[in-house]
Amino acid sequence: MLLKAPKYFLVTLLVVGALMLNGCSGQEVASTTTSPDTVTEANNDTTAQATLASEVKNEAVPGMNDLPRLEGNATVVMTVNSSPITIEVDGTDAPISAGNFVDLVQKGVYDGLIFHRVVKDPQPFVAQGGDPKGNGTGGYVDKSGKERTIPLEIKPQGADEPIYGKTLEMANISKPPVLQHKAGALAMARSQSPNSASSQFYFALADLAFLDGNYAVFGNVTDGMDVVNKIKQGDKIESAKVTKGAENLKNAE
């Protein structure tokens, strides 16, 4: 899991290697029939999504309705090594994760912070930053003196609302998420608790499908991926600015 070190430590290279080795068999068989298992999975998806849609209306995770939300999209330009990275932040499919990020950008929280963990070997993985402590153990502390945490937020394909506080596996949903870990995806880092994300985020440096359904993707790089690929551990976020869509942020502190 993408965890903040030590309790939030990223996926170990051993786990990554195992996942890559067991990723596919090299042979796929197409079928025109529908098996009983497929029907059961579809029924489970429908039931689980209906239940979770009800939970969202009744606040599936206490306090989540008071968190910043992005109702629509926004554009953020992050400057690293004197070069811009343009990020499209998706508040349509991940309103709380996107709203949290845009709110922190607006507050200047990310300005001057470092990328404390960058994994490129043996294969490109992630560039992770956003920790005010700079060592992978911190998050954003609000004016009350408490760390703001946000719930895990993943919207399955075909669903009207995201699922909160659960991975797709925990929610018994077999459909893939709308927002996936493609190269350039922006997602929230967290500890083992699904609802522990705060300010730490990561850029996916490659397609990381094995993370889908477990971590909240909320945006993607639309320009400047070459800059992202050159990020080294210790590189600083010189600035992060909302250049479009700031009016879509609601419930900001």
C-alpha atoms as a PDB file:
ATOM      1  CA  MET A   1       0.000   0.000   0.000  1.00  0.00           C
ATOM      2  CA  LEU A   2       1.006   3.580  -0.503  1.00  0.00           C
ATOM      3  CA  LEU A   3       1.660   4.413   3.101  1.00  0.00           C
ATOM      4  CA  LYS A   4       3.332   7.386   4.776  1.00  0.00           C
ATOM      5  CA  ALA A   5       6.607   6.220   6.415  1.00  0.00           C
ATOM      6  CA  PRO A   6       6.976   4.677   8.857  1.00  0.00           C
ATOM      7  CA  LYS A   7       3.263   4.130   9.370  1.00  0.00           C
ATOM      8  CA  TYR A   8       2.642   5.830   5.996  1.00  0.00           C
ATOM      9  CA  PHE A   9       5.302   3.909   4.093  1.00  0.00           C
ATOM     10  CA  LEU A  10       4.884   3.358   0.357  1.00  0.00           C
ATOM     11  CA  VAL A  11       4.504  -0.105  -1.147  1.00  0.00           C
ATOM     12  CA  THR A  12       7.784  -1.952  -0.722  1.00  0.00           C
ATOM     13  CA  LEU A  13       9.715  -2.948  -3.795  1.00  0.00           C
ATOM     14  CA  LEU A  14       9.235  -6.581  -2.795  1.00  0.00           C
ATOM     15  CA  VAL A  15       5.462  -6.214  -2.961  1.00  0.00           C
ATOM     16  CA  VAL A  16       5.697  -4.278  -6.212  1.00  0.00           C
ATOM     17  CA  GLY A  17       7.881  -6.964  -7.714  1.00  0.00           C
ATOM     18  CA  ALA A  18       5.489  -9.717  -6.646  1.00  0.00           C
ATOM     19  CA  LEU A  19       2.530  -7.895  -8.136  1.00  0.00           C
ATOM     20  CA  MET A  20       4.342  -7.384 -11.413  1.00  0.00           C
ATOM     21  CA  LEU A  21       5.371 -11.010 -11.623  1.00  0.00           C
ATOM     22  CA  ASN A  22       1.800 -12.192 -11.058  1.00  0.00           C
ATOM     23  CA  GLY A  23       0.141  -9.552 -13.192  1.00  0.00           C
ATOM     24  CA  CYS A  24      -0.934 -11.735 -16.141  1.00  0.00           C
ATOM     25  CA  SER A  25      -0.511 -15.184 -17.603  1.00  0.00           C
ATOM     26  CA  GLY A  26       0.048 -14.093 -21.174  1.00  0.00           C
ATOM     27  CA  GLN A  27      -3.093 -15.928 -22.327  1.00  0.00           C
ATOM     28  CA  GLU A  28      -6.650 -14.583 -22.370  1.00  0.00           C
ATOM     29  CA  VAL A  29      -9.806 -16.475 -23.300  1.00  0.00           C
ATOM     30  CA  ALA A  30     -12.846 -14.601 -24.579  1.00  0.00           C
ATOM     31  CA  SER A  31     -16.288 -15.962 -23.714  1.00  0.00           C
ATOM     32  CA  THR A  32     -19.728 -15.159 -25.107  1.00  0.00           C
ATOM     33  CA  THR A  33     -21.538 -16.848 -22.203  1.00  0.00           C
ATOM     34  CA  THR A  34     -22.411 -15.406 -18.808  1.00  0.00           C
ATOM     35  CA  SER A  35     -21.346 -17.589 -15.915  1.00  0.00           C
ATOM     36  CA  PRO A  36     -23.229 -17.806 -12.590  1.00  0.00           C
ATOM     37  CA  ASP A  37     -20.242 -16.128 -10.938  1.00  0.00           C
ATOM     38  CA  THR A  38     -20.548 -13.166 -13.297  1.00  0.00           C
ATOM     39  CA  VAL A  39     -24.241 -12.774 -12.495  1.00  0.00           C
ATOM     40  CA  THR A  40     -23.493 -12.960  -8.773  1.00  0.00           C
ATOM     41  CA  GLU A  41     -20.803 -10.288  -9.079  1.00  0.00           C
ATOM     42  CA  ALA A  42     -23.190  -8.004 -10.969  1.00  0.00           C
ATOM     43  CA  ASN A  43     -25.874  -8.456  -8.312  1.00  0.00           C
ATOM     44  CA  ASN A  44     -23.348  -7.793  -5.550  1.00  0.00           C
ATOM     45  CA  ASP A  45     -22.240  -4.595  -7.308  1.00  0.00           C
ATOM     46  CA  THR A  46     -25.816  -3.325  -7.615  1.00  0.00           C
ATOM     47  CA  THR A  47     -26.661  -4.071  -3.984  1.00  0.00           C
ATOM     48  CA  ALA A  48     -23.414  -2.612  -2.637  1.00  0.00           C
ATOM     49  CA  GLN A  49     -23.712   0.571  -4.686  1.00  0.00           C
ATOM     50  CA  ALA A  50     -27.317   1.135  -3.577  1.00  0.00           C
ATOM     51  CA  THR A  51     -26.319   0.699   0.064  1.00  0.00           C
ATOM     52  CA  LEU A  52     -23.336   3.004  -0.231  1.00  0.00           C
ATOM     53  CA  ALA A  53     -25.312   5.674  -2.080  1.00  0.00           C
ATOM     54  CA  SER A  54     -27.601   5.777   0.952  1.00  0.00           C
ATOM     55  CA  GLU A  55     -24.611   6.015   3.277  1.00  0.00           C
ATOM     56  CA  VAL A  56     -23.233   8.999   1.351  1.00  0.00           C
ATOM     57  CA  LYS A  57     -26.461  10.932   1.916  1.00  0.00           C
ATOM     58  CA  ASN A  58     -26.290  10.116   5.630  1.00  0.00           C
ATOM     59  CA  GLU A  59     -22.552  10.882   5.942  1.00  0.00           C
ATOM     60  CA  ALA A  60     -20.808   7.510   5.579  1.00  0.00           C
ATOM     61  CA  VAL A  61     -17.782   8.930   7.442  1.00  0.00           C
ATOM     62  CA  PRO A  62     -18.561  11.361  10.284  1.00  0.00           C
ATOM     63  CA  GLY A  63     -17.670  14.949   9.413  1.00  0.00           C
ATOM     64  CA  MET A  64     -17.094  14.344   5.721  1.00  0.00           C
ATOM     65  CA  ASN A  65     -19.903  16.675   4.645  1.00  0.00           C
ATOM     66  CA  ASP A  66     -18.106  19.576   6.328  1.00  0.00           C
ATOM     67  CA  LEU A  67     -14.854  19.033   4.422  1.00  0.00           C
ATOM     68  CA  PRO A  68     -13.860  21.211   1.448  1.00  0.00           C
ATOM     69  CA  ARG A  69     -15.431  19.966  -1.770  1.00  0.00           C
ATOM     70  CA  LEU A  70     -14.720  20.705  -5.395  1.00  0.00           C
ATOM     71  CA  GLU A  71     -17.952  20.844  -7.377  1.00  0.00           C
ATOM     72  CA  GLY A  72     -16.544  20.555 -10.878  1.00  0.00           C
ATOM     73  CA  ASN A  73     -12.952  20.674 -12.057  1.00  0.00           C
ATOM     74  CA  ALA A  74      -9.997  22.940 -11.387  1.00  0.00           C
ATOM     75  CA  THR A  75      -6.556  23.470 -12.859  1.00  0.00           C
ATOM     76  CA  VAL A  76      -3.468  23.673 -10.656  1.00  0.00           C
ATOM     77  CA  VAL A  77      -0.011  24.632 -11.876  1.00  0.00           C
ATOM     78  CA  MET A  78       2.766  23.276  -9.664  1.00  0.00           C
ATOM     79  CA  THR A  79       6.299  24.536 -10.213  1.00  0.00           C
ATOM     80  CA  VAL A  80       9.180  22.125  -9.537  1.00  0.00           C
ATOM     81  CA  ASN A  81      12.774  22.777 -10.559  1.00  0.00           C
ATOM     82  CA  SER A  82      11.626  26.052 -12.165  1.00  0.00           C
ATOM     83  CA  SER A  83       9.338  24.159 -14.549  1.00  0.00           C
ATOM     84  CA  PRO A  84       5.512  23.993 -14.542  1.00  0.00           C
ATOM     85  CA  ILE A  85       3.376  20.898 -14.079  1.00  0.00           C
ATOM     86  CA  THR A  86      -0.251  21.407 -15.104  1.00  0.00           C
ATOM     87  CA  ILE A  87      -2.750  19.277 -13.199  1.00  0.00           C
ATOM     88  CA  GLU A  88      -6.437  18.807 -13.948  1.00  0.00           C
ATOM     89  CA  VAL A  89      -8.153  18.198 -10.605  1.00  0.00           C
ATOM     90  CA  ASP A  90     -11.374  16.171 -10.869  1.00  0.00           C
ATOM     91  CA  GLY A  91     -14.064  17.315  -8.465  1.00  0.00           C
ATOM     92  CA  THR A  92     -16.768  15.577 -10.463  1.00  0.00           C
ATOM     93  CA  ASP A  93     -15.624  12.051  -9.616  1.00  0.00           C
ATOM     94  CA  ALA A  94     -13.626  12.775  -6.425  1.00  0.00           C
ATOM     95  CA  PRO A  95     -15.112  15.917  -4.847  1.00  0.00           C
ATOM     96  CA  ILE A  96     -13.632  15.579  -1.343  1.00  0.00           C
ATOM     97  CA  SER A  97     -10.120  14.479  -2.369  1.00  0.00           C
ATOM     98  CA  ALA A  98     -10.041  17.187  -5.042  1.00  0.00           C
ATOM     99  CA  GLY A  99     -11.511  19.795  -2.699  1.00  0.00           C
ATOM    100  CA  ASN A 100      -8.980  19.001   0.011  1.00  0.00           C
ATOM    101  CA  PHE A 101      -6.105  19.373  -2.454  1.00  0.00           C
ATOM    102  CA  VAL A 102      -7.359  22.628  -4.000  1.00  0.00           C
ATOM    103  CA  ASP A 103      -8.049  24.079  -0.549  1.00  0.00           C
ATOM    104  CA  LEU A 104      -4.488  23.300   0.563  1.00  0.00           C
ATOM    105  CA  VAL A 105      -3.117  24.788  -2.670  1.00  0.00           C
ATOM    106  CA  GLN A 106      -5.136  27.945  -2.042  1.00  0.00           C
ATOM    107  CA  LYS A 107      -3.737  28.133   1.493  1.00  0.00           C
ATOM    108  CA  GLY A 108      -0.143  27.849   0.203  1.00  0.00           C
ATOM    109  CA  VAL A 109       0.418  24.669   2.210  1.00  0.00           C
ATOM    110  CA  TYR A 110       2.441  22.982  -0.528  1.00  0.00           C
ATOM    111  CA  ASP A 111       4.729  25.908  -1.300  1.00  0.00           C
ATOM    112  CA  GLY A 112       8.269  24.998  -0.239  1.00  0.00           C
ATOM    113  CA  LEU A 113       7.560  21.359   0.650  1.00  0.00           C
ATOM    114  CA  ILE A 114       9.753  18.586  -0.719  1.00  0.00           C
ATOM    115  CA  PHE A 115       9.157  15.296  -2.479  1.00  0.00           C
ATOM    116  CA  HIS A 116      10.267  13.079   0.372  1.00  0.00           C
ATOM    117  CA  ARG A 117       9.923   9.764  -1.469  1.00  0.00           C
ATOM    118  CA  VAL A 118      10.630   9.065  -5.125  1.00  0.00           C
ATOM    119  CA  VAL A 119      10.759   5.471  -6.357  1.00  0.00           C
ATOM    120  CA  LYS A 120      12.038   4.844  -9.873  1.00  0.00           C
ATOM    121  CA  ASP A 121      14.015   1.614  -9.513  1.00  0.00           C
ATOM    122  CA  PRO A 122      13.738  -1.157 -10.450  1.00  0.00           C
ATOM    123  CA  GLN A 123      10.840   0.389 -12.379  1.00  0.00           C
ATOM    124  CA  PRO A 124       9.115   3.801 -12.243  1.00  0.00           C
ATOM    125  CA  PHE A 125       6.613   3.904  -9.402  1.00  0.00           C
ATOM    126  CA  VAL A 126       5.719   7.183  -7.635  1.00  0.00           C
ATOM    127  CA  ALA A 127       6.906  10.649  -6.625  1.00  0.00           C
ATOM    128  CA  GLN A 128       5.348  11.470  -3.257  1.00  0.00           C
ATOM    129  CA  GLY A 129       5.230  14.833  -1.490  1.00  0.00           C
ATOM    130  CA  GLY A 130       2.984  17.154   0.473  1.00  0.00           C
ATOM    131  CA  ASP A 131       4.217  16.361   3.988  1.00  0.00           C
ATOM    132  CA  PRO A 132       4.747  19.513   6.092  1.00  0.00           C
ATOM    133  CA  LYS A 133       7.247  17.541   8.216  1.00  0.00           C
ATOM    134  CA  GLY A 134       9.182  16.465   5.128  1.00  0.00           C
ATOM    135  CA  ASN A 135       9.740  12.906   6.309  1.00  0.00           C
ATOM    136  CA  GLY A 136       6.530  11.083   5.393  1.00  0.00           C
ATOM    137  CA  THR A 137       4.941  11.171   8.862  1.00  0.00           C
ATOM    138  CA  GLY A 138       2.947  14.402   8.740  1.00  0.00           C
ATOM    139  CA  GLY A 139      -0.223  15.968   7.419  1.00  0.00           C
ATOM    140  CA  TYR A 140      -2.029  19.290   7.322  1.00  0.00           C
ATOM    141  CA  VAL A 141      -2.848  20.692  10.767  1.00  0.00           C
ATOM    142  CA  ASP A 142      -5.812  23.069  10.675  1.00  0.00           C
ATOM    143  CA  LYS A 143      -6.419  26.170  12.802  1.00  0.00           C
ATOM    144  CA  SER A 144      -7.911  24.037  15.563  1.00  0.00           C
ATOM    145  CA  GLY A 145      -4.554  22.333  15.980  1.00  0.00           C
ATOM    146  CA  LYS A 146      -5.791  18.988  14.696  1.00  0.00           C
ATOM    147  CA  GLU A 147      -4.670  17.132  11.603  1.00  0.00           C
ATOM    148  CA  ARG A 148      -7.297  17.230   8.884  1.00  0.00           C
ATOM    149  CA  THR A 149      -7.965  13.786   7.502  1.00  0.00           C
ATOM    150  CA  ILE A 150     -10.243  12.858   4.635  1.00  0.00           C
ATOM    151  CA  PRO A 151     -12.027   9.604   3.849  1.00  0.00           C
ATOM    152  CA  LEU A 152     -10.983   7.216   1.137  1.00  0.00           C
ATOM    153  CA  GLU A 153     -13.058   8.191  -1.905  1.00  0.00           C
ATOM    154  CA  ILE A 154     -13.404   5.942  -4.948  1.00  0.00           C
ATOM    155  CA  LYS A 155     -16.127   6.085  -7.589  1.00  0.00           C
ATOM    156  CA  PRO A 156     -16.763   2.772  -9.373  1.00  0.00           C
ATOM    157  CA  GLN A 157     -17.672   2.848 -13.039  1.00  0.00           C
ATOM    158  CA  GLY A 158     -21.437   3.130 -13.463  1.00  0.00           C
ATOM    159  CA  ALA A 159     -22.024   4.546  -9.975  1.00  0.00           C
ATOM    160  CA  ASP A 160     -23.689   7.890  -9.308  1.00  0.00           C
ATOM    161  CA  GLU A 161     -21.613   8.630  -6.206  1.00  0.00           C
ATOM    162  CA  PRO A 162     -18.173   7.685  -4.888  1.00  0.00           C
ATOM    163  CA  ILE A 163     -17.764   5.089  -2.174  1.00  0.00           C
ATOM    164  CA  TYR A 164     -16.394   6.489   1.085  1.00  0.00           C
ATOM    165  CA  GLY A 165     -14.298   4.882   3.781  1.00  0.00           C
ATOM    166  CA  LYS A 166     -13.810   1.559   1.995  1.00  0.00           C
ATOM    167  CA  THR A 167     -11.669   0.083  -0.733  1.00  0.00           C
ATOM    168  CA  LEU A 168     -13.645  -1.415  -3.600  1.00  0.00           C
ATOM    169  CA  GLU A 169     -12.751  -4.878  -2.328  1.00  0.00           C
ATOM    170  CA  MET A 170     -14.026  -4.009   1.169  1.00  0.00           C
ATOM    171  CA  ALA A 171     -17.232  -2.708  -0.418  1.00  0.00           C
ATOM    172  CA  ASN A 172     -17.643  -5.907  -2.463  1.00  0.00           C
ATOM    173  CA  ILE A 173     -17.506  -3.953  -5.730  1.00  0.00           C
ATOM    174  CA  SER A 174     -15.913  -5.730  -8.690  1.00  0.00           C
ATOM    175  CA  LYS A 175     -16.160  -2.880 -11.192  1.00  0.00           C
ATOM    176  CA  PRO A 176     -13.026  -0.758 -11.767  1.00  0.00           C
ATOM    177  CA  PRO A 177     -12.872   2.850 -10.574  1.00  0.00           C
ATOM    178  CA  VAL A 178     -13.599   5.763 -12.883  1.00  0.00           C
ATOM    179  CA  LEU A 179     -10.271   7.405 -11.979  1.00  0.00           C
ATOM    180  CA  GLN A 180      -7.410   4.976 -12.440  1.00  0.00           C
ATOM    181  CA  HIS A 181      -3.688   4.879 -11.784  1.00  0.00           C
ATOM    182  CA  LYS A 182      -2.470   5.716 -15.255  1.00  0.00           C
ATOM    183  CA  ALA A 183       0.939   7.372 -15.677  1.00  0.00           C
ATOM    184  CA  GLY A 184       0.501  10.970 -14.548  1.00  0.00           C
ATOM    185  CA  ALA A 185      -2.375  10.245 -12.169  1.00  0.00           C
ATOM    186  CA  LEU A 186      -2.474  12.276  -8.957  1.00  0.00           C
ATOM    187  CA  ALA A 187      -3.664  10.436  -5.843  1.00  0.00           C
ATOM    188  CA  MET A 188      -3.763  10.664  -2.050  1.00  0.00           C
ATOM    189  CA  ALA A 189      -1.277   8.804   0.128  1.00  0.00           C
ATOM    190  CA  ARG A 190      -2.593   7.311   3.354  1.00  0.00           C
ATOM    191  CA  SER A 191      -1.814   4.907   6.179  1.00  0.00           C
ATOM    192  CA  GLN A 192      -3.445   1.494   6.565  1.00  0.00           C
ATOM    193  CA  SER A 193      -6.607   3.205   7.757  1.00  0.00           C
ATOM    194  CA  PRO A 194      -8.789   4.047   4.737  1.00  0.00           C
ATOM    195  CA  ASN A 195      -9.672   7.447   6.226  1.00  0.00           C
ATOM    196  CA  SER A 196      -6.185   8.691   7.094  1.00  0.00           C
ATOM    197  CA  ALA A 197      -5.228  10.770   4.020  1.00  0.00           C
ATOM    198  CA  SER A 198      -4.380  14.379   4.805  1.00  0.00           C
ATOM    199  CA  SER A 199      -2.027  16.453   2.647  1.00  0.00           C
ATOM    200  CA  GLN A 200       0.356  13.875   1.191  1.00  0.00           C
ATOM    201  CA  PHE A 201      -0.129  13.061  -2.484  1.00  0.00           C
ATOM    202  CA  TYR A 202       1.738  11.160  -5.158  1.00  0.00           C
ATOM    203  CA  PHE A 203       2.200  11.221  -8.909  1.00  0.00           C
ATOM    204  CA  ALA A 204       2.057   7.830 -10.623  1.00  0.00           C
ATOM    205  CA  LEU A 205       5.201   7.485 -12.746  1.00  0.00           C
ATOM    206  CA  ALA A 206       3.759   4.524 -14.671  1.00  0.00           C
ATOM    207  CA  ASP A 207       0.473   2.675 -15.058  1.00  0.00           C
ATOM    208  CA  LEU A 208      -0.147   1.140 -11.608  1.00  0.00           C
ATOM    209  CA  ALA A 209      -3.372  -0.794 -12.050  1.00  0.00           C
ATOM    210  CA  PHE A 210      -2.783  -2.886  -8.913  1.00  0.00           C
ATOM    211  CA  LEU A 211      -3.424   0.262  -6.826  1.00  0.00           C
ATOM    212  CA  ASP A 212      -6.839   0.889  -8.416  1.00  0.00           C
ATOM    213  CA  GLY A 213      -9.671   0.625  -5.940  1.00  0.00           C
ATOM    214  CA  ASN A 214      -7.335   1.024  -2.957  1.00  0.00           C
ATOM    215  CA  TYR A 215      -6.201   4.648  -3.207  1.00  0.00           C
ATOM    216  CA  ALA A 216      -8.055   7.794  -4.200  1.00  0.00           C
ATOM    217  CA  VAL A 217      -7.036   9.185  -7.580  1.00  0.00           C
ATOM    218  CA  PHE A 218      -8.359  12.730  -7.962  1.00  0.00           C
ATOM    219  CA  GLY A 219      -6.554  14.247 -10.941  1.00  0.00           C
ATOM    220  CA  ASN A 220      -3.971  13.855 -13.654  1.00  0.00           C
ATOM    221  CA  VAL A 221      -1.090  15.695 -15.254  1.00  0.00           C
ATOM    222  CA  THR A 222      -2.127  17.299 -18.527  1.00  0.00           C
ATOM    223  CA  ASP A 223       1.177  19.030 -19.283  1.00  0.00           C
ATOM    224  CA  GLY A 224       4.663  18.735 -17.813  1.00  0.00           C
ATOM    225  CA  MET A 225       4.931  14.975 -17.350  1.00  0.00           C
ATOM    226  CA  ASP A 226       8.548  15.326 -18.432  1.00  0.00           C
ATOM    227  CA  VAL A 227       9.050  17.506 -15.353  1.00  0.00           C
ATOM    228  CA  VAL A 228       7.363  14.922 -13.123  1.00  0.00           C
ATOM    229  CA  ASN A 229       9.584  12.151 -14.487  1.00  0.00           C
ATOM    230  CA  LYS A 230      12.685  14.158 -13.553  1.00  0.00           C
ATOM    231  CA  ILE A 231      11.676  14.758  -9.928  1.00  0.00           C
ATOM    232  CA  LYS A 232      14.274  13.519  -7.461  1.00  0.00           C
ATOM    233  CA  GLN A 233      13.929  12.871  -3.755  1.00  0.00           C
ATOM    234  CA  GLY A 234      14.439  16.175  -1.959  1.00  0.00           C
ATOM    235  CA  ASP A 235      13.256  18.344  -4.863  1.00  0.00           C
ATOM    236  CA  LYS A 236      11.076  21.219  -3.705  1.00  0.00           C
ATOM    237  CA  ILE A 237       7.627  22.372  -4.721  1.00  0.00           C
ATOM    238  CA  GLU A 238       8.464  25.985  -5.429  1.00  0.00           C
ATOM    239  CA  SER A 239       4.818  26.956  -5.758  1.00  0.00           C
ATOM    240  CA  ALA A 240       1.357  25.596  -6.463  1.00  0.00           C
ATOM    241  CA  LYS A 241      -1.402  27.855  -7.790  1.00  0.00           C
ATOM    242  CA  VAL A 242      -5.022  27.365  -8.823  1.00  0.00           C
ATOM    243  CA  THR A 243      -5.266  28.895 -12.290  1.00  0.00           C
ATOM    244  CA  LYS A 244      -8.811  27.853 -13.159  1.00  0.00           C
ATOM    245  CA  GLY A 245     -11.888  26.606 -11.317  1.00  0.00           C
ATOM    246  CA  ALA A 246     -11.227  28.153  -7.892  1.00  0.00           C
ATOM    247  CA  GLU A 247     -14.891  29.179  -7.756  1.00  0.00           C
ATOM    248  CA  ASN A 248     -15.828  25.487  -7.676  1.00  0.00           C
ATOM    249  CA  LEU A 249     -14.305  25.069  -4.193  1.00  0.00           C
ATOM    250  CA  LYS A 250     -16.940  24.893  -1.451  1.00  0.00           C
ATOM    251  CA  ASN A 251     -16.721  24.620   2.356  1.00  0.00           C
ATOM    252  CA  ALA A 252     -13.194  26.054   2.436  1.00  0.00           C
ATOM    253  CA  GLU A 253     -12.014  27.037   5.914  1.00  0.00           C
END
